[in-house]
Amino acid sequence: MNFTRWSPRFPGTQRRTTRRADTGAVPAARAGTAPTGPALRLEDLPVRAVLDRVPALVAVLQGPAHHIAYVNDAYTEAFGARPVGGPADETMPELEELGLLPLLDQVLRSGRPRTVKSRRLPGGRSYTFTCTPVAVPVTGDGGARPEDGTTQSAESGVLVFAADVTDQADAAERLRASERRQRETAVTLQRSLLPQELEQPDDLRIAATYQPGGADAAVGGDWYDVITLGGGRTALVIGDVMGRGVRAAAVMGQLRTAVRAYARLDLPPHEVLQLLDGLATEIDPSQIATCVYAVHDPNEGRLVYASAGHLPILVRDEHGTIHRAPEPTGPPLGTGGWLHTSDTIPLAPGSTAVLYTDGLVERRDADIDEGLHLLEAALAGATGSPKVVCDRLMRALGVTETHDDDVAVLVLQHPARTGGDAELFRNAALDLLGGVEAAPRARAFASGVLTSWRFPSDLHDLGVLAASELVANSLQHGTPPMRLRLRRTDRRLIIEVTDGDDHLPRRRRAEAGDEAGRGIAIIATIASSWGSRRTPGGGKSVWCEFALPAA
């Protein structure tokens, strides 16, 4: 090693070290001018002079009564002069307004500092207060230590240090207000994509609720819908687009619109989901969604449904027993390449069914099966109207405004009707056997049933005419077995004819010389609505409805 290079620096280094030890001051920079006099040491600075100059608010209180020992100029400028020696509860009303007096007692007892963040005073300024235990020297008469430093004892006290954080507090409040506005906008967007008013079928009582999750502005993709299909049948839908944000909500809105369009085709549930699956892939290949599409027919007493990876439907029957629908009948929407199937679950009169999204039963700290068991137990004891059942299920599963996931719940009841209410819901059916003689027999049957139901003469005649045209159309274009069904509710008369041929009729313009093609046109003219659909076992159903006059 070359000692010649380093050895001349050792003495200088030693001199600098000695100078630091002697004076306690940092040496001047080489390019600067060395101080001409002795440097002022930190321990020589008077504390009161330092505290008087800091912009923060400082007060020193001593003893259990918190007598004022000292306040600095900033404190006096903020709150006015405070007499030394006065108790804080009488001479410092600002501490009482801020609720700091109990905190002072706590600091004295525990000997530990406490901080209260961003307290706003009536004048509009905000301060963060830190209360620190200190030992306050006192003279014999209990006053503060004199300037000459003579003392006789020390007493426990509290140093109150208040930093002005008005700008930070105002900025934080503006940020919170902006986040609230953004969340309100997001929730408004989400709710606008949901049904503003649920359709209420004749044979079902339905209620739904939606609770946005979290406190941020990221909307979710949960949705539900109720669609009346005609002929007394009702479609019920609930779904959940994975993820959060405007993109998830946009996909949800498109899927919900598509469901309503596909429902008008009166397709089986699995075919509706098959179409939705292809659409979801086209909208966004990276987005997947779960969905249940179910159809209720009051004549069958069951729900026919298809599930695309969604949680199972729960049904409480008229005896209070809980039934869980089988596993999903297909994968989530957007996966592509899979065939969906339909399944059934009983829904007899007196039953209640619940469709829901995973936010209701899924928790970060528990298995989803535990949530399903809790939901089953809650449904078993939840009675009352569908709206009441919705509220009880939400409370039982602990869903509040601070819940971290969106929740959608759809509750439907198939009420058991008795007494006078039962008179308003009647069914009558006739198997159409034989050939052309079935037509006059169907007219006579329809006339007798409508007479017994005490319909007005004009509605009676329209009903008989509609039944005659539907039967004639089925006899001419359909195949056995054929069946005529009449159903009345408290709001409408439904006439339906089924046969074994799956060719759906369509309305067309008949030329003057045509002998056929006018039956459906007559039905469309006289009825409130009409439609047709293919039946699951093969064949078709053609129906029409007449609105009943208001009571």
Protein backbone atom coordinates (compact mmCIF):
# COMPACT_ATOMS: atom_id res chain seq x y z
CA MET A 1 0.00 0.00 0.00
CA ASN A 2 1.24 3.51 -0.80
CA PHE A 3 1.47 5.16 2.65
CA THR A 4 2.98 8.29 1.14
CA ARG A 5 -0.40 9.18 -0.42
CA TRP A 6 -2.40 8.81 2.79
CA SER A 7 -0.07 9.71 5.64
CA PRO A 8 -0.19 13.53 5.22
CA ARG A 9 -3.98 13.47 5.79
CA PHE A 10 -3.88 11.84 9.20
CA PRO A 11 -2.91 14.96 11.22
CA GLY A 12 -5.58 17.07 9.51
CA THR A 13 -8.17 14.45 10.20
CA GLN A 14 -7.19 14.34 13.83
CA ARG A 15 -7.38 18.15 14.07
CA ARG A 16 -10.91 18.21 12.60
CA THR A 17 -12.03 15.48 15.00
CA THR A 18 -10.60 17.39 17.95
CA ARG A 19 -12.32 20.61 16.88
CA ARG A 20 -15.71 18.86 16.68
CA ALA A 21 -15.22 17.39 20.14
CA ASP A 22 -14.24 20.75 21.63
CA THR A 23 -16.92 22.98 20.18
CA GLY A 24 -19.81 20.63 19.32
CA ALA A 25 -20.36 22.61 16.10
CA VAL A 26 -20.28 21.45 12.51
CA PRO A 27 -17.22 22.79 10.66
CA ALA A 28 -17.76 25.38 7.99
CA ALA A 29 -17.61 24.36 4.36
CA ARG A 30 -14.18 24.62 2.85
CA ALA A 31 -15.27 27.26 0.37
CA GLY A 32 -16.96 29.40 3.07
CA THR A 33 -15.65 31.78 5.64
CA ALA A 34 -15.04 30.42 9.12
CA PRO A 35 -17.14 31.97 11.91
CA THR A 36 -15.37 34.68 13.81
CA GLY A 37 -17.10 34.08 17.15
CA PRO A 38 -18.19 31.08 19.22
CA ALA A 39 -21.19 29.09 17.83
CA LEU A 40 -24.47 29.11 19.79
CA ARG A 41 -25.15 25.73 21.36
CA LEU A 42 -28.65 24.12 21.29
CA GLU A 43 -28.75 23.74 25.05
CA ASP A 44 -28.20 27.46 25.39
CA LEU A 45 -31.38 28.31 23.47
CA PRO A 46 -34.27 29.34 25.80
CA VAL A 47 -37.22 26.96 25.30
CA ARG A 48 -39.80 29.70 25.72
CA ALA A 49 -38.19 31.74 22.97
CA VAL A 50 -38.38 28.76 20.64
CA LEU A 51 -42.01 27.98 21.46
CA ASP A 52 -43.02 31.61 21.10
CA ARG A 53 -41.75 31.62 17.53
CA VAL A 54 -43.19 28.32 16.18
CA PRO A 55 -46.39 28.68 14.08
CA ALA A 56 -48.04 25.77 15.88
CA LEU A 57 -50.29 26.31 18.90
CA VAL A 58 -48.59 25.35 22.17
CA ALA A 59 -49.95 25.32 25.72
CA VAL A 60 -48.55 23.78 28.89
CA LEU A 61 -51.02 22.73 31.58
CA GLN A 62 -50.04 21.54 35.01
CA GLY A 63 -51.68 19.54 37.73
CA PRO A 64 -54.91 17.54 37.86
CA ALA A 65 -56.96 20.71 37.35
CA HIS A 66 -54.91 21.56 34.26
CA HIS A 67 -53.89 25.06 35.28
CA ILE A 68 -52.35 27.11 32.52
CA ALA A 69 -48.59 27.30 32.88
CA TYR A 70 -47.82 28.68 29.43
CA VAL A 71 -49.38 29.51 26.06
CA ASN A 72 -47.35 30.69 23.07
CA ASP A 73 -48.04 33.62 20.78
CA ALA A 74 -49.68 31.47 18.09
CA TYR A 75 -52.15 30.08 20.62
CA THR A 76 -52.95 33.58 21.87
CA GLU A 77 -53.47 34.81 18.31
CA ALA A 78 -55.82 31.92 17.52
CA PHE A 79 -57.94 31.91 20.71
CA GLY A 80 -57.11 35.13 22.52
CA ALA A 81 -55.18 35.80 25.73
CA ARG A 82 -55.32 33.06 28.35
CA PRO A 83 -54.45 33.94 31.98
CA VAL A 84 -51.58 31.94 33.42
CA GLY A 85 -52.67 29.92 36.43
CA GLY A 86 -56.32 29.62 35.43
CA PRO A 87 -57.93 26.14 35.16
CA ALA A 88 -58.46 24.95 31.59
CA ASP A 89 -62.15 24.08 32.05
CA GLU A 90 -62.87 27.74 32.87
CA THR A 91 -60.35 29.71 30.83
CA MET A 92 -59.91 27.51 27.70
CA PRO A 93 -63.41 26.86 26.32
CA GLU A 94 -61.93 25.71 23.02
CA LEU A 95 -60.62 22.54 24.69
CA GLU A 96 -64.09 21.74 25.99
CA GLU A 97 -65.63 22.34 22.55
CA LEU A 98 -63.14 19.92 21.05
CA GLY A 99 -63.70 17.32 23.76
CA LEU A 100 -60.08 17.40 24.86
CA LEU A 101 -60.56 17.80 28.62
CA PRO A 102 -61.18 14.05 29.22
CA LEU A 103 -58.17 13.35 27.00
CA LEU A 104 -55.98 15.51 29.24
CA ASP A 105 -57.01 13.44 32.26
CA GLN A 106 -56.25 10.26 30.36
CA VAL A 107 -52.76 11.49 29.40
CA LEU A 108 -52.01 12.38 33.03
CA ARG A 109 -53.15 8.98 34.29
CA SER A 110 -51.48 6.85 31.63
CA GLY A 111 -48.33 8.89 31.12
CA ARG A 112 -48.66 8.29 27.37
CA PRO A 113 -49.18 10.84 24.60
CA ARG A 114 -52.47 10.97 22.70
CA THR A 115 -53.32 12.55 19.36
CA VAL A 116 -56.66 13.80 18.06
CA LYS A 117 -56.63 14.32 14.31
CA SER A 118 -58.24 17.15 12.38
CA ARG A 119 -60.73 18.70 14.76
CA ARG A 120 -62.61 21.65 13.27
CA LEU A 121 -63.28 24.67 15.46
CA PRO A 122 -66.34 26.94 15.13
CA GLY A 123 -64.23 29.54 13.33
CA GLY A 124 -63.61 27.10 10.49
CA ARG A 125 -59.97 26.25 11.23
CA SER A 126 -58.92 22.63 11.70
CA TYR A 127 -56.18 21.46 14.04
CA THR A 128 -54.51 18.20 14.96
CA PHE A 129 -53.90 18.13 18.72
CA THR A 130 -51.16 16.10 20.37
CA CYS A 131 -51.17 15.90 24.18
CA THR A 132 -47.88 14.79 25.73
CA PRO A 133 -47.17 14.25 29.45
CA VAL A 134 -44.41 16.50 30.82
CA ALA A 135 -42.93 17.42 34.17
CA VAL A 136 -43.62 21.13 34.83
CA PRO A 137 -41.23 22.82 37.31
CA VAL A 138 -43.10 24.97 39.83
CA THR A 139 -42.15 27.48 42.49
CA GLY A 140 -43.32 27.39 46.01
CA ASP A 141 -46.46 29.35 45.26
CA GLY A 142 -47.49 27.00 42.44
CA GLY A 143 -46.68 29.34 39.55
CA ALA A 144 -44.54 28.57 36.55
CA ARG A 145 -40.77 28.44 36.80
CA PRO A 146 -39.26 31.94 36.93
CA GLU A 147 -36.75 33.12 34.36
CA ASP A 148 -33.82 32.74 36.78
CA GLY A 149 -34.49 29.00 36.86
CA THR A 150 -34.89 28.65 40.64
CA THR A 151 -37.37 25.86 41.48
CA GLN A 152 -38.46 23.93 44.46
CA SER A 153 -40.43 21.03 42.87
CA ALA A 154 -41.90 19.61 39.64
CA GLU A 155 -45.51 18.69 38.92
CA SER A 156 -47.04 16.45 36.26
CA GLY A 157 -48.50 18.35 33.35
CA VAL A 158 -49.54 18.11 29.73
CA LEU A 159 -48.01 19.78 26.70
CA VAL A 160 -50.73 20.56 24.17
CA PHE A 161 -49.36 20.93 20.64
CA ALA A 162 -51.82 21.87 17.88
CA ALA A 163 -50.84 21.95 14.21
CA ASP A 164 -53.05 23.87 11.79
CA VAL A 165 -54.25 21.35 9.17
CA THR A 166 -57.06 23.44 7.70
CA ASP A 167 -55.76 23.19 4.14
CA GLN A 168 -55.29 19.43 4.39
CA ALA A 169 -58.69 18.96 6.02
CA ASP A 170 -60.41 21.06 3.35
CA ALA A 171 -58.64 19.12 0.62
CA ALA A 172 -59.65 15.83 2.22
CA GLU A 173 -63.26 17.00 2.53
CA ARG A 174 -63.29 18.04 -1.13
CA LEU A 175 -61.92 14.63 -2.06
CA ARG A 176 -64.55 12.85 0.04
CA ALA A 177 -67.29 14.99 -1.50
CA SER A 178 -65.99 14.15 -4.97
CA GLU A 179 -65.93 10.45 -4.15
CA ARG A 180 -69.47 10.67 -2.78
CA ARG A 181 -70.66 12.33 -5.97
CA GLN A 182 -68.90 9.75 -8.11
CA ARG A 183 -70.40 6.92 -6.11
CA GLU A 184 -73.87 8.44 -6.28
CA THR A 185 -73.46 8.77 -10.04
CA ALA A 186 -72.24 5.17 -10.31
CA VAL A 187 -75.10 3.81 -8.21
CA THR A 188 -77.59 5.88 -10.21
CA LEU A 189 -76.15 4.39 -13.40
CA GLN A 190 -76.40 0.89 -11.98
CA ARG A 191 -79.95 1.34 -10.79
CA SER A 192 -81.00 2.90 -14.10
CA LEU A 193 -79.94 -0.32 -15.82
CA LEU A 194 -82.19 -2.35 -13.51
CA PRO A 195 -85.99 -2.51 -13.86
CA GLN A 196 -87.49 0.71 -12.56
CA GLU A 197 -90.69 -1.16 -11.71
CA LEU A 198 -91.13 -4.92 -11.62
CA GLU A 199 -93.82 -6.46 -13.73
CA GLN A 200 -96.42 -8.12 -11.52
CA PRO A 201 -97.90 -11.27 -13.05
CA ASP A 202 -101.42 -12.39 -12.16
CA ASP A 203 -100.36 -15.61 -10.49
CA LEU A 204 -97.20 -14.52 -8.65
CA ARG A 205 -96.22 -11.99 -6.03
CA ILE A 206 -92.72 -10.67 -6.67
CA ALA A 207 -90.27 -8.31 -4.99
CA ALA A 208 -86.59 -7.59 -5.57
CA THR A 209 -83.85 -5.59 -3.92
CA TYR A 210 -80.41 -4.42 -4.94
CA GLN A 211 -77.65 -3.28 -2.57
CA PRO A 212 -74.47 -1.82 -4.12
CA GLY A 213 -71.31 -3.03 -2.45
CA GLY A 214 -68.34 -1.15 -1.05
CA ALA A 215 -67.81 2.56 -0.62
CA ASP A 216 -65.98 3.24 -3.89
CA ALA A 217 -67.39 4.36 -7.21
CA ALA A 218 -66.92 1.00 -8.97
CA VAL A 219 -70.36 -0.24 -9.94
CA GLY A 220 -71.07 -3.94 -10.13
CA GLY A 221 -72.70 -6.17 -12.71
CA ASP A 222 -75.60 -7.72 -10.75
CA TRP A 223 -79.03 -7.57 -12.36
CA TYR A 224 -82.50 -9.09 -12.22
CA ASP A 225 -85.67 -8.90 -14.30
CA VAL A 226 -89.26 -10.12 -14.50
CA ILE A 227 -90.80 -10.64 -17.95
CA THR A 228 -94.43 -11.59 -18.61
CA LEU A 229 -94.50 -13.97 -21.56
CA GLY A 230 -98.25 -14.12 -22.11
CA GLY A 231 -100.58 -17.04 -21.66
CA GLY A 232 -100.10 -16.68 -17.89
CA ARG A 233 -96.39 -17.58 -18.06
CA THR A 234 -93.63 -15.49 -16.46
CA ALA A 235 -89.85 -15.40 -17.00
CA LEU A 236 -87.58 -14.60 -14.04
CA VAL A 237 -83.94 -13.68 -14.53
CA ILE A 238 -81.01 -12.95 -12.24
CA GLY A 239 -77.37 -12.64 -13.20
CA ASP A 240 -73.95 -11.38 -12.20
CA VAL A 241 -71.21 -10.09 -14.50
CA MET A 242 -67.83 -10.82 -12.96
CA GLY A 243 -65.75 -7.85 -11.87
CA ARG A 244 -66.59 -4.25 -11.07
CA GLY A 245 -66.54 -0.98 -12.91
CA VAL A 246 -68.35 0.71 -15.74
CA ARG A 247 -67.34 -2.05 -18.15
CA ALA A 248 -69.08 -4.70 -16.04
CA ALA A 249 -72.17 -2.52 -15.80
CA ALA A 250 -72.18 -1.95 -19.57
CA VAL A 251 -71.99 -5.69 -20.25
CA MET A 252 -74.76 -6.24 -17.71
CA GLY A 253 -76.99 -3.69 -19.46
CA GLN A 254 -76.47 -5.37 -22.84
CA LEU A 255 -77.18 -8.84 -21.45
CA ARG A 256 -80.33 -7.66 -19.71
CA THR A 257 -81.62 -6.05 -22.90
CA ALA A 258 -80.82 -9.20 -24.86
CA VAL A 259 -82.64 -11.39 -22.32
CA ARG A 260 -85.82 -9.36 -22.78
CA ALA A 261 -85.52 -9.67 -26.56
CA TYR A 262 -84.89 -13.41 -26.47
CA ALA A 263 -87.71 -13.91 -23.94
CA ARG A 264 -90.18 -12.52 -26.50
CA LEU A 265 -89.34 -15.49 -28.69
CA ASP A 266 -90.78 -17.69 -25.92
CA LEU A 267 -87.90 -20.14 -26.16
CA PRO A 268 -87.07 -22.81 -23.55
CA PRO A 269 -84.70 -21.55 -20.83
CA HIS A 270 -81.64 -23.44 -22.08
CA GLU A 271 -82.05 -21.99 -25.58
CA VAL A 272 -82.20 -18.47 -24.16
CA LEU A 273 -78.93 -19.07 -22.28
CA GLN A 274 -77.39 -20.57 -25.41
CA LEU A 275 -78.10 -17.34 -27.28
CA LEU A 276 -76.83 -15.25 -24.35
CA ASP A 277 -73.61 -17.27 -24.27
CA GLY A 278 -72.84 -16.41 -27.86
CA LEU A 279 -73.72 -12.75 -27.32
CA ALA A 280 -71.51 -12.49 -24.20
CA THR A 281 -68.57 -13.84 -26.20
CA GLU A 282 -69.14 -11.23 -28.89
CA ILE A 283 -69.50 -8.34 -26.42
CA ASP A 284 -66.26 -9.01 -24.57
CA PRO A 285 -64.39 -12.34 -24.71
CA SER A 286 -62.66 -11.49 -21.42
CA GLN A 287 -65.92 -11.01 -19.48
CA ILE A 288 -67.91 -13.91 -18.08
CA ALA A 289 -71.23 -13.84 -16.30
CA THR A 290 -73.45 -16.21 -14.36
CA CYS A 291 -77.19 -16.25 -14.94
CA VAL A 292 -80.40 -18.11 -14.12
CA TYR A 293 -83.35 -17.93 -16.50
CA ALA A 294 -86.54 -19.54 -15.16
CA VAL A 295 -90.09 -19.77 -16.52
CA HIS A 296 -93.18 -20.22 -14.36
CA ASP A 297 -96.38 -21.70 -15.80
CA PRO A 298 -99.29 -21.64 -13.31
CA ASN A 299 -100.80 -24.70 -14.97
CA GLU A 300 -97.72 -26.83 -14.25
CA GLY A 301 -96.88 -25.84 -10.65
CA ARG A 302 -93.14 -25.77 -11.23
CA LEU A 303 -90.23 -23.63 -12.39
CA VAL A 304 -88.46 -24.67 -15.57
CA TYR A 305 -85.00 -23.13 -15.43
CA ALA A 306 -81.51 -23.13 -16.88
CA SER A 307 -78.47 -22.03 -14.89
CA ALA A 308 -75.23 -20.77 -16.40
CA GLY A 309 -72.85 -21.35 -13.49
CA HIS A 310 -75.14 -19.50 -11.06
CA LEU A 311 -75.99 -20.31 -7.46
CA PRO A 312 -78.97 -22.65 -6.95
CA ILE A 313 -82.56 -21.48 -6.64
CA LEU A 314 -84.04 -22.07 -3.18
CA VAL A 315 -87.73 -22.93 -2.73
CA ARG A 316 -89.70 -23.17 0.51
CA ASP A 317 -92.78 -25.27 -0.14
CA GLU A 318 -96.21 -24.90 1.45
CA HIS A 319 -95.10 -27.14 4.37
CA GLY A 320 -92.01 -25.06 5.16
CA THR A 321 -89.48 -27.51 3.71
CA ILE A 322 -86.51 -25.98 1.88
CA HIS A 323 -85.61 -27.38 -1.54
CA ARG A 324 -82.37 -26.52 -3.31
CA ALA A 325 -82.29 -26.71 -7.09
CA PRO A 326 -79.72 -29.11 -8.57
CA GLU A 327 -76.30 -27.96 -9.68
CA PRO A 328 -75.98 -25.47 -12.57
CA THR A 329 -77.11 -26.88 -15.88
CA GLY A 330 -74.24 -25.26 -17.79
CA PRO A 331 -71.06 -23.16 -17.45
CA PRO A 332 -71.02 -19.35 -17.11
CA LEU A 333 -71.90 -17.17 -20.07
CA GLY A 334 -68.98 -16.13 -22.22
CA THR A 335 -67.10 -19.44 -22.03
CA GLY A 336 -68.47 -20.57 -25.41
CA GLY A 337 -68.73 -24.02 -26.95
CA TRP A 338 -70.97 -25.59 -24.31
CA LEU A 339 -74.54 -26.87 -24.51
CA HIS A 340 -76.94 -25.73 -21.82
CA THR A 341 -79.85 -27.80 -20.56
CA SER A 342 -83.05 -27.09 -18.66
CA ASP A 343 -84.22 -28.57 -15.36
CA THR A 344 -87.25 -28.17 -13.11
CA ILE A 345 -88.01 -27.48 -9.46
CA PRO A 346 -91.52 -27.67 -7.92
CA LEU A 347 -93.32 -24.40 -7.16
CA ALA A 348 -96.78 -25.39 -5.95
CA PRO A 349 -99.31 -22.90 -4.52
CA GLY A 350 -98.09 -21.67 -1.14
CA SER A 351 -94.40 -21.84 -2.15
CA THR A 352 -91.74 -19.14 -2.03
CA ALA A 353 -88.66 -19.12 -4.29
CA VAL A 354 -85.48 -17.04 -3.95
CA LEU A 355 -83.04 -16.14 -6.72
CA TYR A 356 -79.90 -14.25 -5.62
CA THR A 357 -76.33 -13.33 -6.51
CA ASP A 358 -73.19 -14.49 -4.73
CA GLY A 359 -72.82 -11.29 -2.71
CA LEU A 360 -75.62 -12.49 -0.47
CA VAL A 361 -73.91 -15.71 0.67
CA GLU A 362 -70.21 -15.35 -0.13
CA ARG A 363 -67.79 -14.11 2.55
CA ARG A 364 -64.01 -13.78 2.51
CA ASP A 365 -63.60 -15.64 5.78
CA ALA A 366 -66.07 -18.50 5.22
CA ASP A 367 -66.89 -21.19 2.70
CA ILE A 368 -69.79 -20.41 0.38
CA ASP A 369 -71.62 -23.54 1.56
CA GLU A 370 -71.86 -21.95 5.00
CA GLY A 371 -73.53 -18.95 3.43
CA LEU A 372 -75.99 -21.19 1.60
CA HIS A 373 -76.89 -22.98 4.83
CA LEU A 374 -77.46 -19.63 6.54
CA LEU A 375 -79.68 -18.53 3.67
CA GLU A 376 -81.70 -21.74 3.85
CA ALA A 377 -82.19 -21.28 7.59
CA ALA A 378 -83.21 -17.65 7.09
CA LEU A 379 -85.67 -18.57 4.32
CA ALA A 380 -87.23 -21.27 6.49
CA GLY A 381 -88.20 -18.65 9.06
CA ALA A 382 -88.91 -15.72 6.75
CA THR A 383 -92.65 -15.28 6.29
CA GLY A 384 -94.76 -12.45 4.98
CA SER A 385 -94.91 -10.64 1.67
CA PRO A 386 -92.04 -10.95 -0.85
CA LYS A 387 -90.78 -7.50 0.14
CA VAL A 388 -90.71 -8.51 3.81
CA VAL A 389 -88.90 -11.73 2.91
CA CYS A 390 -86.29 -9.75 0.93
CA ASP A 391 -85.59 -7.47 3.89
CA ARG A 392 -85.39 -10.35 6.35
CA LEU A 393 -82.96 -12.31 4.18
CA MET A 394 -80.71 -9.27 3.79
CA ARG A 395 -80.66 -8.69 7.55
CA ALA A 396 -80.15 -12.35 8.37
CA LEU A 397 -77.14 -12.56 6.05
CA GLY A 398 -75.64 -9.35 7.45
CA VAL A 399 -75.90 -7.23 4.30
CA THR A 400 -75.53 -3.52 5.16
CA GLU A 401 -74.54 -0.36 3.30
CA THR A 402 -70.88 -1.16 4.00
CA HIS A 403 -71.11 -4.65 2.48
CA ASP A 404 -68.11 -5.23 0.19
CA ASP A 405 -70.00 -6.85 -2.72
CA ASP A 406 -73.10 -6.08 -4.73
CA VAL A 407 -76.20 -8.06 -3.77
CA ALA A 408 -79.33 -8.70 -5.83
CA VAL A 409 -82.25 -10.73 -4.47
CA LEU A 410 -85.46 -11.72 -6.27
CA VAL A 411 -88.27 -13.30 -4.22
CA LEU A 412 -91.43 -14.77 -5.76
CA GLN A 413 -94.43 -16.38 -4.15
CA HIS A 414 -97.08 -18.56 -5.70
CA PRO A 415 -99.93 -17.87 -3.27
CA ALA A 416 -102.43 -20.51 -2.28
CA ARG A 417 -105.82 -18.92 -2.99
CA THR A 418 -108.90 -19.71 -0.95
CA GLY A 419 -112.38 -18.30 -0.49
CA GLY A 420 -113.51 -15.47 -2.75
CA ASP A 421 -109.99 -15.00 -4.10
CA ALA A 422 -110.04 -18.54 -5.45
CA GLU A 423 -113.20 -17.75 -7.45
CA LEU A 424 -111.19 -15.23 -9.46
CA PHE A 425 -108.61 -17.85 -10.51
CA ARG A 426 -110.25 -20.72 -12.35
CA ASN A 427 -109.15 -23.34 -14.89
CA ALA A 428 -111.05 -25.53 -17.32
CA ALA A 429 -109.68 -27.90 -19.99
CA LEU A 430 -111.10 -30.16 -22.73
CA ASP A 431 -109.27 -32.83 -24.74
CA LEU A 432 -110.19 -32.44 -28.41
CA LEU A 433 -110.94 -35.95 -29.62
CA GLY A 434 -112.35 -37.02 -32.97
CA GLY A 435 -112.42 -35.07 -36.21
CA VAL A 436 -114.40 -32.10 -37.34
CA GLU A 437 -117.00 -32.72 -34.64
CA ALA A 438 -114.43 -31.48 -32.10
CA ALA A 439 -115.01 -27.89 -33.22
CA PRO A 440 -118.71 -27.58 -32.19
CA ARG A 441 -117.94 -29.49 -28.99
CA ALA A 442 -115.17 -26.98 -28.18
CA ARG A 443 -117.53 -24.04 -28.84
CA ALA A 444 -120.19 -25.51 -26.56
CA PHE A 445 -117.60 -26.19 -23.85
CA ALA A 446 -116.20 -22.65 -24.03
CA SER A 447 -119.70 -21.12 -23.94
CA GLY A 448 -120.68 -23.15 -20.88
CA VAL A 449 -117.47 -22.34 -18.98
CA LEU A 450 -117.61 -18.61 -19.69
CA THR A 451 -121.28 -18.52 -18.70
CA SER A 452 -120.49 -20.21 -15.40
CA TRP A 453 -117.74 -17.66 -14.79
CA ARG A 454 -120.35 -14.92 -15.22
CA PHE A 455 -118.57 -12.94 -17.87
CA PRO A 456 -120.40 -10.07 -19.61
CA SER A 457 -122.13 -11.07 -22.82
CA ASP A 458 -119.70 -9.21 -25.10
CA LEU A 459 -116.65 -10.84 -23.47
CA HIS A 460 -118.48 -14.18 -23.52
CA ASP A 461 -119.04 -13.94 -27.27
CA LEU A 462 -115.44 -12.86 -27.97
CA GLY A 463 -114.13 -15.73 -25.90
CA VAL A 464 -116.25 -18.29 -27.72
CA LEU A 465 -115.18 -16.86 -31.08
CA ALA A 466 -111.48 -16.99 -30.11
CA ALA A 467 -111.77 -20.56 -28.87
CA SER A 468 -113.52 -21.58 -32.11
CA GLU A 469 -110.83 -20.00 -34.31
CA LEU A 470 -107.94 -21.49 -32.34
CA VAL A 471 -109.49 -24.95 -32.38
CA ALA A 472 -110.25 -24.70 -36.09
CA ASN A 473 -106.67 -23.67 -36.80
CA SER A 474 -105.35 -26.61 -34.77
CA LEU A 475 -107.70 -29.09 -36.46
CA GLN A 476 -106.60 -27.90 -39.89
CA HIS A 477 -102.85 -27.53 -39.39
CA GLY A 478 -102.04 -29.50 -36.23
CA THR A 479 -101.86 -33.11 -35.16
CA PRO A 480 -103.18 -34.96 -32.10
CA PRO A 481 -103.12 -34.81 -29.17
CA MET A 482 -105.10 -31.56 -28.99
CA ARG A 483 -106.33 -29.76 -25.94
CA LEU A 484 -108.33 -26.59 -25.22
CA ARG A 485 -107.65 -24.78 -21.96
CA LEU A 486 -109.46 -21.77 -20.53
CA ARG A 487 -108.06 -19.85 -17.59
CA ARG A 488 -109.23 -16.77 -15.79
CA THR A 489 -107.38 -14.58 -13.32
CA ASP A 490 -108.42 -11.43 -11.55
CA ARG A 491 -107.26 -9.41 -14.57
CA ARG A 492 -107.58 -11.45 -17.75
CA LEU A 493 -109.11 -14.38 -19.63
CA ILE A 494 -106.63 -16.74 -21.31
CA ILE A 495 -107.57 -19.20 -24.05
CA GLU A 496 -104.96 -21.73 -25.16
CA VAL A 497 -104.94 -24.64 -27.63
CA THR A 498 -102.10 -27.17 -27.81
CA ASP A 499 -101.44 -29.85 -30.43
CA GLY A 500 -98.65 -32.18 -31.53
CA ASP A 501 -97.37 -30.22 -34.54
CA ASP A 502 -94.43 -27.86 -33.94
CA HIS A 503 -95.14 -25.55 -36.88
CA LEU A 504 -95.86 -22.12 -35.40
CA PRO A 505 -98.66 -20.08 -37.00
CA ARG A 506 -98.02 -16.55 -38.21
CA ARG A 507 -100.26 -13.70 -39.05
CA ARG A 508 -100.56 -13.01 -42.77
CA ARG A 509 -102.71 -11.07 -45.17
CA ALA A 510 -105.35 -13.30 -46.80
CA GLU A 511 -106.33 -12.54 -50.36
CA ALA A 512 -109.97 -12.18 -51.33
CA GLY A 513 -110.11 -15.61 -52.89
CA ASP A 514 -108.27 -17.48 -50.08
CA GLU A 515 -110.28 -19.94 -48.02
CA ALA A 516 -107.77 -19.98 -45.17
CA GLY A 517 -105.40 -17.62 -43.40
CA ARG A 518 -107.93 -15.46 -41.59
CA GLY A 519 -108.12 -17.22 -38.24
CA ILE A 520 -104.97 -15.75 -36.67
CA ALA A 521 -105.84 -12.34 -38.14
CA ILE A 522 -109.21 -12.48 -36.38
CA ILE A 523 -107.56 -13.51 -33.13
CA ALA A 524 -105.05 -10.63 -33.35
CA THR A 525 -107.90 -8.20 -33.97
CA ILE A 526 -110.26 -9.16 -31.16
CA ALA A 527 -107.79 -10.20 -28.42
CA SER A 528 -105.62 -8.00 -26.21
CA SER A 529 -102.58 -10.10 -27.16
CA TRP A 530 -101.75 -13.46 -28.69
CA GLY A 531 -98.73 -15.68 -29.25
CA SER A 532 -97.38 -19.14 -29.86
CA ARG A 533 -94.54 -21.29 -28.63
CA ARG A 534 -93.13 -24.76 -28.99
CA THR A 535 -93.80 -27.07 -26.05
CA PRO A 536 -90.96 -29.08 -24.43
CA GLY A 537 -92.36 -32.48 -25.36
CA GLY A 538 -92.87 -31.53 -29.00
CA GLY A 539 -95.77 -29.70 -30.53
CA LYS A 540 -96.93 -26.15 -29.99
CA SER A 541 -99.23 -23.94 -27.98
CA VAL A 542 -101.24 -21.03 -29.42
CA TRP A 543 -102.87 -18.63 -26.95
CA CYS A 544 -104.69 -15.33 -26.72
CA GLU A 545 -105.70 -13.04 -23.85
CA PHE A 546 -108.61 -10.72 -23.09
CA ALA A 547 -108.35 -8.01 -20.45
CA LEU A 548 -111.20 -8.16 -17.94
CA PRO A 549 -113.15 -4.98 -17.23
CA ALA A 550 -112.23 -3.23 -14.00
CA ALA A 551 -114.44 -4.16 -11.07
